[in-house]
Amino acid sequence: MRRVLVKGAGVAGLTVAHELAERGASVTVAEIRSQVGGNASWLAGGMLAP
């Protein structure tokens, strides 16, 4: 089993963490803020919409 550290709990970090966990990795997500995505800029959020 692979162990992976994902730095950042924003959209990209949580997406990659989820995908790696689905593939069998042991994933730890580290976020420096007290909330999920707390360090994200939120400026590019519209790019994620279809």
PDB file of N, CA and C in Angstrom:
ATOM      1  N   MET A   1       0.842  -1.169   0.000  1.00  0.00           N
ATOM      2  CA  MET A   1       0.000   0.000   0.000  1.00  0.00           C
ATOM      3  C   MET A   1       0.894   1.242   0.000  1.00  0.00           C
ATOM      4  N   ARG A   2       0.529   2.202  -0.813  1.00  0.00           N
ATOM      5  CA  ARG A   2       1.268   3.456  -0.865  1.00  0.00           C
ATOM      6  C   ARG A   2       0.691   4.434   0.139  1.00  0.00           C
ATOM      7  N   ARG A   3       1.578   5.197   0.772  1.00  0.00           N
ATOM      8  CA  ARG A   3       1.175   6.261   1.678  1.00  0.00           C
ATOM      9  C   ARG A   3       1.462   7.591   0.992  1.00  0.00           C
ATOM     10  N   VAL A   4       0.473   8.476   0.975  1.00  0.00           N
ATOM     11  CA  VAL A   4       0.575   9.740   0.259  1.00  0.00           C
ATOM     12  C   VAL A   4       0.177  10.882   1.184  1.00  0.00           C
ATOM     13  N   LEU A   5       0.942  11.981   1.117  1.00  0.00           N
ATOM     14  CA  LEU A   5       0.590  13.204   1.821  1.00  0.00           C
ATOM     15  C   LEU A   5       0.168  14.229   0.784  1.00  0.00           C
ATOM     16  N   VAL A   6      -1.051  14.746   0.916  1.00  0.00           N
ATOM     17  CA  VAL A   6      -1.547  15.795   0.029  1.00  0.00           C
ATOM     18  C   VAL A   6      -1.526  17.088   0.832  1.00  0.00           C
ATOM     19  N   LYS A   7      -0.782  18.073   0.339  1.00  0.00           N
ATOM     20  CA  LYS A   7      -0.677  19.366   1.015  1.00  0.00           C
ATOM     21  C   LYS A   7      -1.706  20.315   0.425  1.00  0.00           C
ATOM     22  N   GLY A   8      -2.711  20.632   1.226  1.00  0.00           N
ATOM     23  CA  GLY A   8      -3.755  21.554   0.797  1.00  0.00           C
ATOM     24  C   GLY A   8      -5.094  20.861   0.650  1.00  0.00           C
ATOM     25  N   ALA A   9      -6.107  21.424   1.299  1.00  0.00           N
ATOM     26  CA  ALA A   9      -7.446  20.839   1.265  1.00  0.00           C
ATOM     27  C   ALA A   9      -8.394  21.701   0.448  1.00  0.00           C
ATOM     28  N   GLY A  10      -7.879  22.229  -0.656  1.00  0.00           N
ATOM     29  CA  GLY A  10      -8.730  22.957  -1.591  1.00  0.00           C
ATOM     30  C   GLY A  10      -9.344  21.984  -2.580  1.00  0.00           C
ATOM     31  N   VAL A  11      -9.894  22.513  -3.630  1.00  0.00           N
ATOM     32  CA  VAL A  11     -10.561  21.672  -4.629  1.00  0.00           C
ATOM     33  C   VAL A  11      -9.595  20.656  -5.220  1.00  0.00           C
ATOM     34  N   ALA A  12      -8.428  21.101  -5.653  1.00  0.00           N
ATOM     35  CA  ALA A  12      -7.469  20.189  -6.279  1.00  0.00           C
ATOM     36  C   ALA A  12      -6.945  19.153  -5.293  1.00  0.00           C
ATOM     37  N   GLY A  13      -6.591  19.590  -4.092  1.00  0.00           N
ATOM     38  CA  GLY A  13      -6.061  18.672  -3.092  1.00  0.00           C
ATOM     39  C   GLY A  13      -7.053  17.597  -2.699  1.00  0.00           C
ATOM     40  N   LEU A  14      -8.290  17.991  -2.454  1.00  0.00           N
ATOM     41  CA  LEU A  14      -9.304  17.013  -2.065  1.00  0.00           C
ATOM     42  C   LEU A  14      -9.657  16.071  -3.213  1.00  0.00           C
ATOM     43  N   THR A  15      -9.636  16.592  -4.442  1.00  0.00           N
ATOM     44  CA  THR A  15      -9.925  15.741  -5.596  1.00  0.00           C
ATOM     45  C   THR A  15      -8.866  14.670  -5.766  1.00  0.00           C
ATOM     46  N   VAL A  16      -7.606  15.068  -5.690  1.00  0.00           N
ATOM     47  CA  VAL A  16      -6.533  14.086  -5.862  1.00  0.00           C
ATOM     48  C   VAL A  16      -6.502  13.111  -4.679  1.00  0.00           C
ATOM     49  N   ALA A  17      -6.791  13.611  -3.471  1.00  0.00           N
ATOM     50  CA  ALA A  17      -6.830  12.720  -2.307  1.00  0.00           C
ATOM     51  C   ALA A  17      -7.917  11.667  -2.458  1.00  0.00           C
ATOM     52  N   HIS A  18      -9.074  12.076  -2.920  1.00  0.00           N
ATOM     53  CA  HIS A  18     -10.178  11.145  -3.130  1.00  0.00           C
ATOM     54  C   HIS A  18      -9.819  10.108  -4.191  1.00  0.00           C
ATOM     55  N   GLU A  19      -9.269  10.557  -5.291  1.00  0.00           N
ATOM     56  CA  GLU A  19      -8.909   9.641  -6.382  1.00  0.00           C
ATOM     57  C   GLU A  19      -7.855   8.629  -5.926  1.00  0.00           C
ATOM     58  N   LEU A  20      -6.847   9.089  -5.208  1.00  0.00           N
ATOM     59  CA  LEU A  20      -5.802   8.182  -4.728  1.00  0.00           C
ATOM     60  C   LEU A  20      -6.364   7.182  -3.716  1.00  0.00           C
ATOM     61  N   ALA A  21      -7.256   7.634  -2.844  1.00  0.00           N
ATOM     62  CA  ALA A  21      -7.874   6.727  -1.874  1.00  0.00           C
ATOM     63  C   ALA A  21      -8.712   5.672  -2.582  1.00  0.00           C
ATOM     64  N   GLU A  22      -9.444   6.086  -3.621  1.00  0.00           N
ATOM     65  CA  GLU A  22     -10.230   5.129  -4.403  1.00  0.00           C
ATOM     66  C   GLU A  22      -9.341   4.075  -5.056  1.00  0.00           C
ATOM     67  N   ARG A  23      -8.106   4.453  -5.352  1.00  0.00           N
ATOM     68  CA  ARG A  23      -7.161   3.519  -5.981  1.00  0.00           C
ATOM     69  C   ARG A  23      -6.353   2.719  -4.969  1.00  0.00           C
ATOM     70  N   GLY A  24      -6.684   2.865  -3.693  1.00  0.00           N
ATOM     71  CA  GLY A  24      -6.080   2.022  -2.665  1.00  0.00           C
ATOM     72  C   GLY A  24      -4.957   2.642  -1.859  1.00  0.00           C
ATOM     73  N   ALA A  25      -4.641   3.908  -2.074  1.00  0.00           N
ATOM     74  CA  ALA A  25      -3.577   4.553  -1.319  1.00  0.00           C
ATOM     75  C   ALA A  25      -4.079   4.951   0.065  1.00  0.00           C
ATOM     76  N   SER A  26      -3.154   5.024   1.002  1.00  0.00           N
ATOM     77  CA  SER A  26      -3.439   5.555   2.331  1.00  0.00           C
ATOM     78  C   SER A  26      -3.111   7.042   2.261  1.00  0.00           C
ATOM     79  N   VAL A  27      -4.119   7.893   2.349  1.00  0.00           N
ATOM     80  CA  VAL A  27      -3.947   9.319   2.086  1.00  0.00           C
ATOM     81  C   VAL A  27      -4.122  10.136   3.364  1.00  0.00           C
ATOM     82  N   THR A  28      -3.203  11.076   3.569  1.00  0.00           N
ATOM     83  CA  THR A  28      -3.309  12.068   4.627  1.00  0.00           C
ATOM     84  C   THR A  28      -3.376  13.428   3.956  1.00  0.00           C
ATOM     85  N   VAL A  29      -4.361  14.241   4.344  1.00  0.00           N
ATOM     86  CA  VAL A  29      -4.501  15.587   3.801  1.00  0.00           C
ATOM     87  C   VAL A  29      -4.084  16.570   4.885  1.00  0.00           C
ATOM     88  N   ALA A  30      -3.148  17.470   4.552  1.00  0.00           N
ATOM     89  CA  ALA A  30      -2.685  18.495   5.490  1.00  0.00           C
ATOM     90  C   ALA A  30      -3.146  19.868   5.020  1.00  0.00           C
ATOM     91  N   GLU A  31      -3.735  20.602   5.921  1.00  0.00           N
ATOM     92  CA  GLU A  31      -4.218  21.964   5.615  1.00  0.00           C
ATOM     93  C   GLU A  31      -3.772  22.871   6.755  1.00  0.00           C
ATOM     94  N   ILE A  32      -3.169  24.020   6.441  1.00  0.00           N
ATOM     95  CA  ILE A  32      -2.657  24.891   7.496  1.00  0.00           C
ATOM     96  C   ILE A  32      -3.747  25.731   8.145  1.00  0.00           C
ATOM     97  N   ARG A  33      -4.863  25.895   7.474  1.00  0.00           N
ATOM     98  CA  ARG A  33      -5.961  26.662   8.052  1.00  0.00           C
ATOM     99  C   ARG A  33      -6.872  25.736   8.841  1.00  0.00           C
ATOM    100  N   SER A  34      -7.755  26.320   9.621  1.00  0.00           N
ATOM    101  CA  SER A  34      -8.645  25.516  10.472  1.00  0.00           C
ATOM    102  C   SER A  34      -9.854  24.971   9.718  1.00  0.00           C
ATOM    103  N   GLN A  35     -10.041  25.375   8.476  1.00  0.00           N
ATOM    104  CA  GLN A  35     -11.174  24.896   7.698  1.00  0.00           C
ATOM    105  C   GLN A  35     -10.715  24.326   6.354  1.00  0.00           C
ATOM    106  N   VAL A  36     -11.512  23.461   5.796  1.00  0.00           N
ATOM    107  CA  VAL A  36     -11.209  22.873   4.498  1.00  0.00           C
ATOM    108  C   VAL A  36     -11.169  23.981   3.453  1.00  0.00           C
ATOM    109  N   GLY A  37     -10.105  24.003   2.664  1.00  0.00           N
ATOM    110  CA  GLY A  37      -9.977  25.021   1.626  1.00  0.00           C
ATOM    111  C   GLY A  37      -9.735  26.405   2.170  1.00  0.00           C
ATOM    112  N   GLY A  38      -9.317  26.518   3.416  1.00  0.00           N
ATOM    113  CA  GLY A  38      -9.156  27.813   4.056  1.00  0.00           C
ATOM    114  C   GLY A  38      -8.067  28.683   3.463  1.00  0.00           C
ATOM    115  N   ASN A  39      -7.142  28.077   2.730  1.00  0.00           N
ATOM    116  CA  ASN A  39      -6.045  28.839   2.141  1.00  0.00           C
ATOM    117  C   ASN A  39      -6.247  29.053   0.641  1.00  0.00           C
ATOM    118  N   ALA A  40      -7.384  28.622   0.110  1.00  0.00           N
ATOM    119  CA  ALA A  40      -7.657  28.776  -1.319  1.00  0.00           C
ATOM    120  C   ALA A  40      -7.986  30.237  -1.622  1.00  0.00           C
ATOM    121  N   SER A  41      -7.639  30.676  -2.822  1.00  0.00           N
ATOM    122  CA  SER A  41      -7.882  32.073  -3.186  1.00  0.00           C
ATOM    123  C   SER A  41      -9.319  32.320  -3.623  1.00  0.00           C
ATOM    124  N   TRP A  42     -10.024  31.306  -4.090  1.00  0.00           N
ATOM    125  CA  TRP A  42     -11.398  31.379  -4.582  1.00  0.00           C
ATOM    126  C   TRP A  42     -11.523  32.210  -5.851  1.00  0.00           C
ATOM    127  N   LEU A  43     -10.415  32.673  -6.416  1.00  0.00           N
ATOM    128  CA  LEU A  43     -10.479  33.507  -7.610  1.00  0.00           C
ATOM    129  C   LEU A  43     -10.768  32.717  -8.879  1.00  0.00           C
ATOM    130  N   ALA A  44     -10.363  31.467  -8.928  1.00  0.00           N
ATOM    131  CA  ALA A  44     -10.519  30.680 -10.143  1.00  0.00           C
ATOM    132  C   ALA A  44     -11.677  29.686 -10.043  1.00  0.00           C
ATOM    133  N   GLY A  45     -12.514  29.796  -9.034  1.00  0.00           N
ATOM    134  CA  GLY A  45     -13.606  28.857  -8.832  1.00  0.00           C
ATOM    135  C   GLY A  45     -14.537  28.755 -10.026  1.00  0.00           C
ATOM    136  N   GLY A  46     -14.754  29.851 -10.743  1.00  0.00           N
ATOM    137  CA  GLY A  46     -15.626  29.838 -11.897  1.00  0.00           C
ATOM    138  C   GLY A  46     -15.100  28.978 -13.020  1.00  0.00           C
ATOM    139  N   MET A  47     -13.809  28.717 -13.060  1.00  0.00           N
ATOM    140  CA  MET A  47     -13.228  27.887 -14.113  1.00  0.00           C
ATOM    141  C   MET A  47     -13.645  26.433 -13.948  1.00  0.00           C
ATOM    142  N   LEU A  48     -14.129  26.061 -12.774  1.00  0.00           N
ATOM    143  CA  LEU A  48     -14.512  24.680 -12.508  1.00  0.00           C
ATOM    144  C   LEU A  48     -15.946  24.397 -12.927  1.00  0.00           C
ATOM    145  N   ALA A  49     -16.694  25.441 -13.200  1.00  0.00           N
ATOM    146  CA  ALA A  49     -18.091  25.275 -13.625  1.00  0.00           C
ATOM    147  C   ALA A  49     -18.164  24.932 -15.101  1.00  0.00           C
ATOM    148  N   PRO A  50     -19.120  24.087 -15.492  1.00  0.00           N
ATOM    149  CA  PRO A  50     -19.218  23.739 -16.911  1.00  0.00           C
ATOM    150  C   PRO A  50     -19.672  24.912 -17.768  1.00  0.00           C
TER     151      PRO A  50
END
